C-alpha atoms as a PDB file:
ATOM      1  CA  MET A   1     -12.394 -26.925   8.794  1.00  0.00           C
ATOM      2  CA  ARG A   2      -8.881 -29.380   8.324  1.00  0.00           C
ATOM      3  CA  TRP A   3      -5.556 -27.817   7.723  1.00  0.00           C
ATOM      4  CA  ASP A   4      -4.584 -28.832   4.032  1.00  0.00           C
ATOM      5  CA  THR A   5      -1.316 -30.859   4.486  1.00  0.00           C
ATOM      6  CA  HIS A   6      -0.488 -30.548   1.280  1.00  0.00           C
ATOM      7  CA  HIS A   7      -0.176 -26.858   1.114  1.00  0.00           C
ATOM      8  CA  LEU A   8       3.391 -25.354   1.870  1.00  0.00           C
ATOM      9  CA  SER A   9       3.788 -22.526   4.734  1.00  0.00           C
ATOM     10  CA  PRO A  10       4.633 -18.994   3.640  1.00  0.00           C
ATOM     11  CA  THR A  11       8.182 -18.551   3.527  1.00  0.00           C
ATOM     12  CA  ILE A  12      10.143 -15.424   4.723  1.00  0.00           C
ATOM     13  CA  LYS A  13      10.492 -14.596   0.843  1.00  0.00           C
ATOM     14  CA  ASP A  14       6.391 -14.563   0.588  1.00  0.00           C
ATOM     15  CA  PHE A  15       6.336 -12.481   3.596  1.00  0.00           C
ATOM     16  CA  ASP A  16       9.045 -10.010   2.620  1.00  0.00           C
ATOM     17  CA  ASN A  17       7.199  -9.648  -0.687  1.00  0.00           C
ATOM     18  CA  LYS A  18       4.026  -9.004   0.620  1.00  0.00           C
ATOM     19  CA  VAL A  19       5.385  -6.436   2.901  1.00  0.00           C
ATOM     20  CA  SER A  20       7.494  -4.706   0.054  1.00  0.00           C
ATOM     21  CA  GLU A  21       4.187  -4.884  -2.240  1.00  0.00           C
ATOM     22  CA  ALA A  22       2.144  -3.430   1.061  1.00  0.00           C
ATOM     23  CA  ASP A  23       5.019  -0.418   1.027  1.00  0.00           C
ATOM     24  CA  ALA A  24       4.316   0.385  -2.471  1.00  0.00           C
ATOM     25  CA  TYR A  25       0.815   0.763  -2.353  1.00  0.00           C
ATOM     26  CA  LEU A  26       1.059   2.922   0.890  1.00  0.00           C
ATOM     27  CA  GLN A  27       3.498   5.426  -0.831  1.00  0.00           C
ATOM     28  CA  LEU A  28       1.288   5.660  -3.665  1.00  0.00           C
ATOM     29  CA  MET A  29      -1.334   6.387  -1.442  1.00  0.00           C
ATOM     30  CA  ILE A  30       1.000   9.277   0.532  1.00  0.00           C
ATOM     31  CA  ASP A  31       1.829  10.298  -3.065  1.00  0.00           C
ATOM     32  CA  GLN A  32      -1.590  10.912  -4.192  1.00  0.00           C
ATOM     33  CA  THR A  33      -3.001  12.648  -0.989  1.00  0.00           C
ATOM     34  CA  LYS A  34       0.408  15.159  -1.152  1.00  0.00           C
ATOM     35  CA  VAL A  35      -0.898  15.754  -5.098  1.00  0.00           C
ATOM     36  CA  LEU A  36      -4.470  16.153  -3.918  1.00  0.00           C
ATOM     37  CA  LEU A  37      -3.769  18.498  -0.910  1.00  0.00           C
ATOM     38  CA  ALA A  38      -1.699  20.918  -2.873  1.00  0.00           C
ATOM     39  CA  ILE A  39      -4.491  21.049  -5.441  1.00  0.00           C
ATOM     40  CA  MET A  40      -6.863  21.737  -2.523  1.00  0.00           C
ATOM     41  CA  THR A  41      -4.497  24.497  -1.281  1.00  0.00           C
ATOM     42  CA  LEU A  42      -4.200  26.324  -4.586  1.00  0.00           C
ATOM     43  CA  VAL A  43      -7.981  26.122  -4.930  1.00  0.00           C
ATOM     44  CA  LYS A  44      -8.600  27.523  -1.914  1.00  0.00           C
ATOM     45  CA  LEU A  45      -6.053  30.241  -2.620  1.00  0.00           C
ATOM     46  CA  ARG A  46      -7.862  31.515  -5.663  1.00  0.00           C
ATOM     47  CA  THR A  47     -11.366  32.081  -4.132  1.00  0.00           C
END
Protein backbone atom coordinates (compact mmCIF):
# COMPACT_ATOMS: atom_id res chain seq x y z
CA MET A 1 0.00 0.00 0.00
CA ARG A 2 1.36 3.40 -0.93
CA TRP A 3 1.01 6.62 0.99
CA ASP A 4 -1.14 9.21 -0.72
CA THR A 5 1.28 12.08 -1.20
CA HIS A 6 -1.49 14.38 -2.47
CA HIS A 7 -3.46 14.19 0.76
CA LEU A 8 -2.77 16.83 3.41
CA SER A 9 -1.78 15.65 6.86
CA PRO A 10 -4.30 16.27 9.66
CA THR A 11 -3.68 19.48 11.57
CA ILE A 12 -3.75 20.23 15.28
CA LYS A 13 -7.13 21.90 14.67
CA ASP A 14 -8.43 18.66 13.12
CA PHE A 15 -7.20 16.74 16.16
CA ASP A 16 -8.80 19.26 18.55
CA ASN A 17 -12.08 19.00 16.66
CA LYS A 18 -12.06 15.21 16.94
CA VAL A 19 -11.24 15.38 20.66
CA SER A 20 -14.08 17.86 21.22
CA GLU A 21 -16.47 15.65 19.28
CA ALA A 22 -15.47 12.60 21.30
CA ASP A 23 -15.77 14.56 24.54
CA ALA A 24 -19.29 15.71 23.65
CA TYR A 25 -20.33 12.14 22.78
CA LEU A 26 -18.86 10.83 26.03
CA GLN A 27 -20.69 13.51 28.02
CA LEU A 28 -23.98 12.49 26.37
CA MET A 29 -23.33 8.87 27.32
CA ILE A 30 -22.56 9.85 30.92
CA ASP A 31 -25.74 11.94 31.15
CA GLN A 32 -27.87 9.15 29.71
CA THR A 33 -26.33 6.65 32.12
CA LYS A 34 -27.18 8.90 35.07
CA VAL A 35 -30.79 9.13 33.90
CA LEU A 36 -31.03 5.37 33.48
CA LEU A 37 -29.55 4.77 36.93
CA ALA A 38 -32.06 7.19 38.46
CA ILE A 39 -34.95 5.42 36.71
CA MET A 40 -33.67 2.03 37.85
CA THR A 41 -33.43 3.30 41.42
CA LEU A 42 -37.01 4.59 41.32
CA VAL A 43 -38.29 1.30 39.90
CA LYS A 44 -36.41 -0.66 42.56
CA LEU A 45 -37.86 1.52 45.34
CA ARG A 46 -41.40 0.86 44.11
CA THR A 47 -41.03 -2.92 44.26
